[in-house]
Amino acid sequence: MVCTVGIGSPEGSQIPDSATNDYKRDAMGNIVISKLNEDELKQIAEKTNGVYVHFESSGQTVNDLMKQLSQVEKKTFIDVSLLNYKTYYMWFTMAMFLLLILEFILPERKRKSA
């Protein structure tokens, strides 16, 4: 389920750029206009059994989304990957321990300087 929220207007508006104190521009130097595509958002929500909400006020939008989410069937999922596991670290630990013992047992070879 995908719930979509439309922010803005279908007519669109310019996007202010706080870094330049101007409006955002594209590569050609034209001012970018941001438009709300309600049809696309409605299609996405419809295809995924979600809901489309146009953002008017935060309280109303949250209430609409919570109403939709409360209708979702609640299921409990258990992660079985942590229940059925085998550890193999002991084999590596034993191999490292044996190599450490061999290091203490075997004498160091001294090189003869030429």
C-alpha atoms as a PDB file:
ATOM      1  CA  MET A   1       0.000   0.000   0.000  1.00  0.00           C
ATOM      2  CA  VAL A   2       1.327   3.381  -1.001  1.00  0.00           C
ATOM      3  CA  CYS A   3      -0.366   6.480   0.371  1.00  0.00           C
ATOM      4  CA  THR A   4       0.445   9.610  -1.605  1.00  0.00           C
ATOM      5  CA  VAL A   5       0.264  13.217  -0.458  1.00  0.00           C
ATOM      6  CA  GLY A   6      -0.037  16.046  -2.962  1.00  0.00           C
ATOM      7  CA  ILE A   7       1.688  19.280  -1.964  1.00  0.00           C
ATOM      8  CA  GLY A   8       1.379  22.392  -4.088  1.00  0.00           C
ATOM      9  CA  SER A   9      -0.928  23.389  -6.908  1.00  0.00           C
ATOM     10  CA  PRO A  10      -1.540  22.011 -10.409  1.00  0.00           C
ATOM     11  CA  GLU A  11      -0.757  25.468 -11.842  1.00  0.00           C
ATOM     12  CA  GLY A  12       2.680  25.356 -10.249  1.00  0.00           C
ATOM     13  CA  SER A  13       4.963  27.973  -8.833  1.00  0.00           C
ATOM     14  CA  GLN A  14       8.578  29.041  -8.858  1.00  0.00           C
ATOM     15  CA  ILE A  15      11.055  27.468  -6.436  1.00  0.00           C
ATOM     16  CA  PRO A  16      13.049  29.967  -4.360  1.00  0.00           C
ATOM     17  CA  ASP A  17      16.770  29.297  -3.988  1.00  0.00           C
ATOM     18  CA  SER A  18      18.080  30.459  -0.620  1.00  0.00           C
ATOM     19  CA  ALA A  19      21.710  30.165  -1.755  1.00  0.00           C
ATOM     20  CA  THR A  20      21.344  32.753  -4.534  1.00  0.00           C
ATOM     21  CA  ASN A  21      18.302  34.669  -3.244  1.00  0.00           C
ATOM     22  CA  ASP A  22      16.753  34.044  -6.657  1.00  0.00           C
ATOM     23  CA  TYR A  23      14.596  31.292  -8.171  1.00  0.00           C
ATOM     24  CA  LYS A  24      15.972  27.894  -9.209  1.00  0.00           C
ATOM     25  CA  ARG A  25      16.986  27.717 -12.849  1.00  0.00           C
ATOM     26  CA  ASP A  26      17.571  24.842 -15.233  1.00  0.00           C
ATOM     27  CA  ALA A  27      20.680  24.285 -17.380  1.00  0.00           C
ATOM     28  CA  MET A  28      19.357  26.682 -20.023  1.00  0.00           C
ATOM     29  CA  GLY A  29      18.816  29.458 -17.482  1.00  0.00           C
ATOM     30  CA  ASN A  30      15.020  29.224 -17.436  1.00  0.00           C
ATOM     31  CA  ILE A  31      13.176  29.501 -14.127  1.00  0.00           C
ATOM     32  CA  VAL A  32      11.995  26.074 -12.913  1.00  0.00           C
ATOM     33  CA  ILE A  33       8.257  25.715 -12.288  1.00  0.00           C
ATOM     34  CA  SER A  34       7.176  22.961  -9.866  1.00  0.00           C
ATOM     35  CA  LYS A  35       3.696  21.584 -10.623  1.00  0.00           C
ATOM     36  CA  LEU A  36       1.580  19.114  -8.675  1.00  0.00           C
ATOM     37  CA  ASN A  37       0.719  16.045 -10.767  1.00  0.00           C
ATOM     38  CA  GLU A  38      -2.424  14.867  -8.975  1.00  0.00           C
ATOM     39  CA  ASP A  39      -3.403  12.361 -11.665  1.00  0.00           C
ATOM     40  CA  GLU A  40      -0.128  10.457 -11.285  1.00  0.00           C
ATOM     41  CA  LEU A  41      -0.366  10.430  -7.488  1.00  0.00           C
ATOM     42  CA  LYS A  42      -3.970   9.211  -7.632  1.00  0.00           C
ATOM     43  CA  GLN A  43      -3.007   6.396 -10.028  1.00  0.00           C
ATOM     44  CA  ILE A  44      -0.155   5.268  -7.769  1.00  0.00           C
ATOM     45  CA  ALA A  45      -2.440   5.233  -4.727  1.00  0.00           C
ATOM     46  CA  GLU A  46      -5.213   3.440  -6.602  1.00  0.00           C
ATOM     47  CA  LYS A  47      -2.944   0.708  -8.007  1.00  0.00           C
ATOM     48  CA  THR A  48      -1.472  -0.051  -4.572  1.00  0.00           C
ATOM     49  CA  ASN A  49      -4.746   0.085  -2.587  1.00  0.00           C
ATOM     50  CA  GLY A  50      -3.592   3.275  -0.941  1.00  0.00           C
ATOM     51  CA  VAL A  51      -5.162   6.689  -0.688  1.00  0.00           C
ATOM     52  CA  TYR A  52      -4.366  10.070  -2.210  1.00  0.00           C
ATOM     53  CA  VAL A  53      -4.594  13.089   0.102  1.00  0.00           C
ATOM     54  CA  HIS A  54      -4.118  16.685  -0.979  1.00  0.00           C
ATOM     55  CA  PHE A  55      -2.185  18.570   1.696  1.00  0.00           C
ATOM     56  CA  GLU A  56      -4.407  21.337   3.013  1.00  0.00           C
ATOM     57  CA  SER A  57      -3.512  21.263   6.688  1.00  0.00           C
ATOM     58  CA  SER A  58      -1.187  18.934   8.548  1.00  0.00           C
ATOM     59  CA  GLY A  59      -3.869  17.846  11.026  1.00  0.00           C
ATOM     60  CA  GLN A  60      -6.395  16.873   8.363  1.00  0.00           C
ATOM     61  CA  THR A  61      -3.762  15.118   6.252  1.00  0.00           C
ATOM     62  CA  VAL A  62      -2.516  13.075   9.216  1.00  0.00           C
ATOM     63  CA  ASN A  63      -6.097  12.139  10.161  1.00  0.00           C
ATOM     64  CA  ASP A  64      -6.844  10.955   6.624  1.00  0.00           C
ATOM     65  CA  LEU A  65      -3.668   8.873   6.488  1.00  0.00           C
ATOM     66  CA  MET A  66      -4.244   7.393   9.953  1.00  0.00           C
ATOM     67  CA  LYS A  67      -7.808   6.473   8.949  1.00  0.00           C
ATOM     68  CA  GLN A  68      -6.466   4.602   5.910  1.00  0.00           C
ATOM     69  CA  LEU A  69      -3.683   2.885   7.868  1.00  0.00           C
ATOM     70  CA  SER A  70      -6.056   1.768  10.616  1.00  0.00           C
ATOM     71  CA  GLN A  71      -7.937  -0.305   8.027  1.00  0.00           C
ATOM     72  CA  VAL A  72      -4.845  -2.359   7.255  1.00  0.00           C
ATOM     73  CA  GLU A  73      -5.023  -5.925   8.478  1.00  0.00           C
ATOM     74  CA  LYS A  74      -2.654  -6.302  11.375  1.00  0.00           C
ATOM     75  CA  LYS A  75      -0.373  -9.335  11.327  1.00  0.00           C
ATOM     76  CA  THR A  76       2.505 -10.367  13.504  1.00  0.00           C
ATOM     77  CA  PHE A  77       5.674 -11.298  11.688  1.00  0.00           C
ATOM     78  CA  ILE A  78       8.450 -13.307  13.270  1.00  0.00           C
ATOM     79  CA  ASP A  79      11.984 -13.186  11.950  1.00  0.00           C
ATOM     80  CA  VAL A  80      13.045 -16.827  11.838  1.00  0.00           C
ATOM     81  CA  SER A  81      16.527 -16.022  10.572  1.00  0.00           C
ATOM     82  CA  LEU A  82      17.660 -15.382  14.155  1.00  0.00           C
ATOM     83  CA  LEU A  83      15.973 -18.499  15.509  1.00  0.00           C
ATOM     84  CA  ASN A  84      17.646 -21.028  13.224  1.00  0.00           C
ATOM     85  CA  TYR A  85      21.312 -20.314  12.947  1.00  0.00           C
ATOM     86  CA  LYS A  86      24.583 -22.196  13.181  1.00  0.00           C
ATOM     87  CA  THR A  87      27.820 -20.713  14.364  1.00  0.00           C
ATOM     88  CA  TYR A  88      31.137 -21.698  12.860  1.00  0.00           C
ATOM     89  CA  TYR A  89      33.369 -19.283  14.714  1.00  0.00           C
ATOM     90  CA  MET A  90      34.676 -22.074  16.952  1.00  0.00           C
ATOM     91  CA  TRP A  91      36.517 -23.708  14.021  1.00  0.00           C
ATOM     92  CA  PHE A  92      38.311 -20.460  13.216  1.00  0.00           C
ATOM     93  CA  THR A  93      39.071 -19.875  16.891  1.00  0.00           C
ATOM     94  CA  MET A  94      40.644 -23.311  17.249  1.00  0.00           C
ATOM     95  CA  ALA A  95      42.745 -22.814  14.117  1.00  0.00           C
ATOM     96  CA  MET A  96      43.990 -19.439  15.360  1.00  0.00           C
ATOM     97  CA  PHE A  97      44.741 -20.891  18.796  1.00  0.00           C
ATOM     98  CA  LEU A  98      46.773 -23.749  17.266  1.00  0.00           C
ATOM     99  CA  LEU A  99      48.755 -21.313  15.138  1.00  0.00           C
ATOM    100  CA  LEU A 100      49.459 -19.194  18.207  1.00  0.00           C
ATOM    101  CA  ILE A 101      50.766 -22.233  20.112  1.00  0.00           C
ATOM    102  CA  LEU A 102      52.921 -23.202  17.117  1.00  0.00           C
ATOM    103  CA  GLU A 103      54.443 -19.731  17.121  1.00  0.00           C
ATOM    104  CA  PHE A 104      55.620 -20.160  20.708  1.00  0.00           C
ATOM    105  CA  ILE A 105      56.863 -23.721  20.186  1.00  0.00           C
ATOM    106  CA  LEU A 106      58.801 -23.317  16.964  1.00  0.00           C
ATOM    107  CA  PRO A 107      62.135 -21.522  17.366  1.00  0.00           C
ATOM    108  CA  GLU A 108      62.871 -18.411  15.371  1.00  0.00           C
ATOM    109  CA  ARG A 109      65.438 -18.813  12.623  1.00  0.00           C
ATOM    110  CA  LYS A 110      68.213 -16.326  12.595  1.00  0.00           C
ATOM    111  CA  ARG A 111      69.574 -15.172   9.322  1.00  0.00           C
ATOM    112  CA  LYS A 112      73.238 -15.119   8.741  1.00  0.00           C
ATOM    113  CA  SER A 113      74.445 -11.793   7.496  1.00  0.00           C
ATOM    114  CA  ALA A 114      76.632 -12.044   4.416  1.00  0.00           C
END
